[in-house]
Protein backbone atom coordinates (compact mmCIF):
# COMPACT_ATOMS: atom_id res chain seq x y z
CA MET A 1 111.50 173.21 142.91
CA LEU A 2 111.36 169.35 143.39
CA ILE A 3 107.83 169.86 145.71
CA TRP A 4 106.78 170.86 142.31
CA VAL A 5 108.20 167.59 140.49
CA LEU A 6 106.98 165.53 143.48
CA ASP A 7 103.80 166.96 144.27
CA PRO A 8 101.64 166.08 141.83
CA LEU A 9 102.50 162.05 142.38
CA GLN A 10 100.72 161.92 145.68
CA TYR A 11 97.51 161.44 142.87
CA GLY A 12 96.61 158.57 141.63
CA PHE A 13 95.55 159.89 137.87
CA MET A 14 99.35 161.49 137.76
CA GLN A 15 100.64 158.40 138.91
CA ARG A 16 98.91 156.28 136.35
CA ALA A 17 99.91 159.30 133.57
CA LEU A 18 103.92 158.31 134.73
CA LEU A 19 103.18 154.64 134.52
CA GLU A 20 101.72 155.19 130.70
CA VAL A 21 104.62 157.81 129.61
CA VAL A 22 107.78 155.37 130.57
CA LEU A 23 105.40 152.02 128.87
CA ILE A 24 104.81 154.57 125.61
CA ALA A 25 108.61 155.37 125.77
CA VAL A 26 110.03 151.68 125.94
CA ALA A 27 107.47 150.74 123.24
CA CYS A 28 108.07 153.48 120.95
CA GLY A 29 111.54 154.10 121.05
CA PRO A 30 113.37 151.25 119.51
CA VAL A 31 110.99 150.54 116.91
CA GLY A 32 111.40 154.05 116.02
CA ALA A 33 115.20 153.60 116.14
CA LEU A 34 114.35 150.69 113.06
CA LEU A 35 111.98 152.30 111.04
CA SER A 36 114.02 154.91 110.43
CA LEU A 37 117.13 152.78 110.31
CA ARG A 38 115.30 150.80 108.04
CA ARG A 39 113.57 154.37 106.05
CA LEU A 40 109.80 153.40 106.80
CA ALA A 41 109.35 156.02 108.95
CA TYR A 42 106.40 157.23 106.51
CA ALA A 43 104.58 154.06 107.36
CA GLY A 44 104.42 154.36 110.61
CA GLU A 45 102.39 157.37 110.03
CA SER A 46 100.29 155.50 107.62
CA LEU A 47 100.29 152.96 110.39
CA SER A 48 99.36 155.57 113.33
CA HIS A 49 96.53 156.98 111.31
CA ALA A 50 94.92 154.00 111.03
CA LEU A 51 94.53 153.85 114.88
CA VAL A 52 91.69 156.11 114.06
CA PRO A 53 89.05 153.85 112.08
CA GLY A 54 89.77 150.94 114.49
CA ALA A 55 89.21 152.76 117.58
CA ALA A 56 86.14 154.41 115.78
CA VAL A 57 84.65 150.67 114.66
CA PHE A 58 84.83 149.64 118.27
CA ILE A 59 83.90 152.32 120.17
CA ALA A 60 80.74 152.39 118.18
CA PHE A 61 79.94 148.57 118.94
CA GLY A 62 80.83 149.44 122.90
CA LEU A 63 83.99 147.93 123.05
CA SER A 64 87.46 148.92 124.19
CA GLY A 65 88.92 151.45 122.03
CA GLU A 66 92.30 151.07 122.29
CA TRP A 67 92.11 147.37 121.07
CA GLY A 68 90.02 148.25 118.04
CA ALA A 69 92.80 150.88 117.37
CA VAL A 70 95.73 148.39 117.43
CA LEU A 71 93.65 146.08 115.07
CA GLY A 72 92.98 148.27 112.91
CA ALA A 73 97.08 149.19 113.29
CA LEU A 74 97.64 145.79 112.56
CA LEU A 75 95.11 145.08 109.80
CA ALA A 76 97.60 148.52 108.01
CA ALA A 77 100.66 146.59 108.91
CA VAL A 78 99.56 143.39 106.93
CA VAL A 79 98.70 145.43 104.06
CA THR A 80 101.22 147.57 103.82
CA ALA A 81 103.68 144.55 104.11
CA PHE A 82 101.73 142.40 101.75
CA LEU A 83 102.16 144.77 99.12
CA LEU A 84 105.89 145.82 100.03
CA ARG A 85 106.52 142.42 98.73
CA ARG A 86 105.93 143.82 95.41
CA ASP A 87 109.95 144.72 93.83
CA ASP A 88 107.48 147.12 91.38
CA VAL A 89 105.87 148.97 93.37
CA ARG A 90 107.36 151.75 95.10
CA GLU A 91 106.91 151.79 98.84
CA ASP A 92 106.35 155.52 99.70
CA VAL A 93 103.12 155.01 96.55
CA VAL A 94 102.44 151.96 99.27
CA VAL A 95 102.31 153.96 102.35
CA ALA A 96 100.32 156.92 100.96
CA LEU A 97 97.60 154.90 99.87
CA VAL A 98 97.57 153.35 102.97
CA PHE A 99 97.98 156.06 104.43
CA SER A 100 94.75 158.71 102.77
CA VAL A 101 92.60 155.67 102.93
CA ALA A 102 92.76 154.95 106.60
CA LEU A 103 92.34 159.28 107.49
CA ALA A 104 90.17 159.06 105.24
CA VAL A 105 87.40 156.33 106.61
CA GLY A 106 88.80 156.96 110.56
CA ILE A 107 87.11 160.58 110.29
CA ALA A 108 83.91 159.47 108.32
CA LEU A 109 83.03 156.85 111.08
CA LEU A 110 84.19 159.22 114.25
CA SER A 111 81.65 161.19 113.07
CA LEU A 112 79.03 158.93 112.20
CA THR A 113 79.55 157.26 114.99
CA VAL A 114 81.68 158.52 117.98
CA PRO A 115 80.16 161.11 120.38
CA ALA A 116 82.74 164.43 119.73
CA GLN A 117 84.36 164.37 123.54
CA ARG A 118 85.82 160.64 122.71
CA SER A 119 86.49 161.73 118.91
CA LEU A 120 89.34 164.39 120.24
CA ALA A 121 90.13 161.45 122.91
CA VAL A 122 91.29 158.97 119.69
CA LEU A 123 92.80 162.06 118.00
CA PHE A 124 94.72 163.33 120.27
CA GLY A 125 94.41 161.14 123.42
CA ASP A 126 94.12 161.97 127.77
CA ILE A 127 96.67 161.05 129.26
CA LEU A 128 94.82 161.56 132.56
CA ALA A 129 92.02 159.07 131.82
CA VAL A 130 94.41 156.32 131.79
CA ASP A 131 93.29 153.80 134.01
CA ARG A 132 94.33 149.95 135.44
CA GLY A 133 93.33 147.78 132.35
CA ASP A 134 94.88 150.62 129.96
CA LEU A 135 98.84 149.87 131.88
CA ILE A 136 97.93 146.36 132.07
CA GLY A 137 97.39 146.06 128.01
CA GLY A 138 100.65 148.43 127.28
CA ALA A 139 102.34 146.68 129.52
CA ILE A 140 101.40 143.73 127.56
CA ALA A 141 102.26 145.63 124.28
CA MET A 142 105.11 146.65 125.96
CA THR A 143 106.45 143.23 126.15
CA ILE A 144 105.60 141.81 122.49
CA VAL A 145 107.14 144.59 121.25
CA SER A 146 111.16 144.40 123.06
CA GLY A 147 111.05 140.79 122.35
CA VAL A 148 110.55 141.80 119.00
CA VAL A 149 113.07 144.17 118.87
CA LEU A 150 115.96 142.06 120.45
CA LEU A 151 115.19 139.01 118.60
CA GLY A 152 115.11 141.07 115.70
CA SER A 153 117.14 144.03 115.22
CA ARG A 154 119.84 142.60 113.64
CA THR A 155 118.05 141.08 110.86
CA ILE A 156 115.99 143.92 110.48
CA ALA A 157 119.43 146.55 110.19
CA LEU A 158 120.50 144.06 107.73
CA VAL A 159 117.33 143.90 105.42
CA SER A 160 117.44 147.76 105.74
CA PHE A 161 121.34 148.28 104.35
CA ASP A 162 120.98 145.70 101.82
CA ARG A 163 117.80 143.74 100.59
CA GLY A 164 119.30 141.99 97.67
CA TRP A 165 122.63 140.16 99.58
CA ALA A 166 119.87 139.79 102.55
CA ARG A 167 118.01 137.75 100.37
CA THR A 168 120.88 135.69 99.00
CA ILE A 169 122.06 134.33 102.33
CA GLY A 170 118.67 133.20 103.42
CA ILE A 171 117.08 136.13 105.40
CA ARG A 172 113.22 135.62 104.53
CA VAL A 173 113.10 139.40 103.68
CA GLY A 174 109.04 139.86 103.81
CA LEU A 175 109.42 138.34 107.49
CA MET A 176 111.21 141.15 108.67
CA ASP A 177 108.89 143.81 107.46
CA ALA A 178 106.38 142.22 108.83
CA ALA A 179 107.54 141.61 112.10
CA LEU A 180 109.05 145.73 111.96
CA LEU A 181 105.56 147.30 111.16
CA LEU A 182 103.37 144.83 113.53
CA ALA A 183 105.97 145.90 116.36
CA THR A 184 105.38 149.32 115.13
CA ALA A 185 101.43 148.69 115.38
CA LEU A 186 101.47 147.70 118.46
CA ALA A 187 103.82 150.33 119.54
CA LEU A 188 101.39 152.51 118.50
CA GLY A 189 98.44 151.33 120.29
CA VAL A 190 100.42 151.50 123.73
CA ALA A 191 100.94 155.43 122.62
CA LEU A 192 96.95 155.57 121.69
CA ARG A 193 95.74 156.13 125.32
CA GLY A 194 98.15 158.76 125.94
CA LEU A 195 98.76 160.80 122.75
CA GLY A 196 95.90 159.66 120.46
CA GLY A 197 96.44 158.24 116.94
CA LEU A 198 97.79 161.52 115.33
CA LEU A 199 100.49 162.35 117.69
CA ALA A 200 101.50 159.27 118.89
CA LEU A 201 104.10 159.02 115.84
CA ALA A 202 106.20 161.73 117.11
CA MET A 203 107.00 159.37 120.14
CA LEU A 204 108.05 156.99 117.12
CA ILE A 205 109.97 159.20 114.94
CA GLY A 206 111.12 162.33 117.01
CA PRO A 207 113.57 160.33 119.49
CA ALA A 208 114.95 158.14 116.75
CA ALA A 209 115.54 161.89 115.00
CA ILE A 210 116.90 163.13 117.22
CA ALA A 211 119.63 160.64 118.48
CA ARG A 212 120.63 159.62 115.26
CA PRO A 213 123.36 162.43 114.32
CA TRP A 214 124.40 161.20 117.77
CA VAL A 215 124.83 157.72 117.07
CA HIS A 216 128.20 156.11 114.76
CA ARG A 217 126.47 151.93 115.07
CA VAL A 218 123.78 150.07 115.37
């Protein structure tokens, strides 16, 4: 049985696929836990769909779809963080608006500018097509995400429990929201090549949701 597991790893594309899975897990796991704690899982979904229009625009101009996807998600993160600063706007309304606009624009751009096979890779990923450049870009993004989590996780957790008190003691709540959303966008960018814009959210929310009943401290 061990041979069945190890034999495929003699091929380069399988080795790269395995490394991609590791990068996705390390980048998405901690961010997903913070999103769940902050009750912004739905925001993660909107950002994952914002990968699609960014990738479509860059592919149409002959550029890297992965970097375009990251920029699209970062733009959606900035818009979401800006709207969340308003106390009179409900979070679910903001997220639903960003989600619907991003997905509609993304599908329209894909259908008009990107070949069908490439469109499927953007939507659902192609982990066996990961190359060295994808791994290098993923490693850089993962390092940034890990830095944000290590430096800001306790403060983000505090904001999640009591935003009013966090403001009282001088914490910049809007900045913490923006940092979490930007880390989410980068983590989704890592997952795009392997899982696609529609499935990347699974690696953010799934592990955190499974682990939550077994964890009793932050």
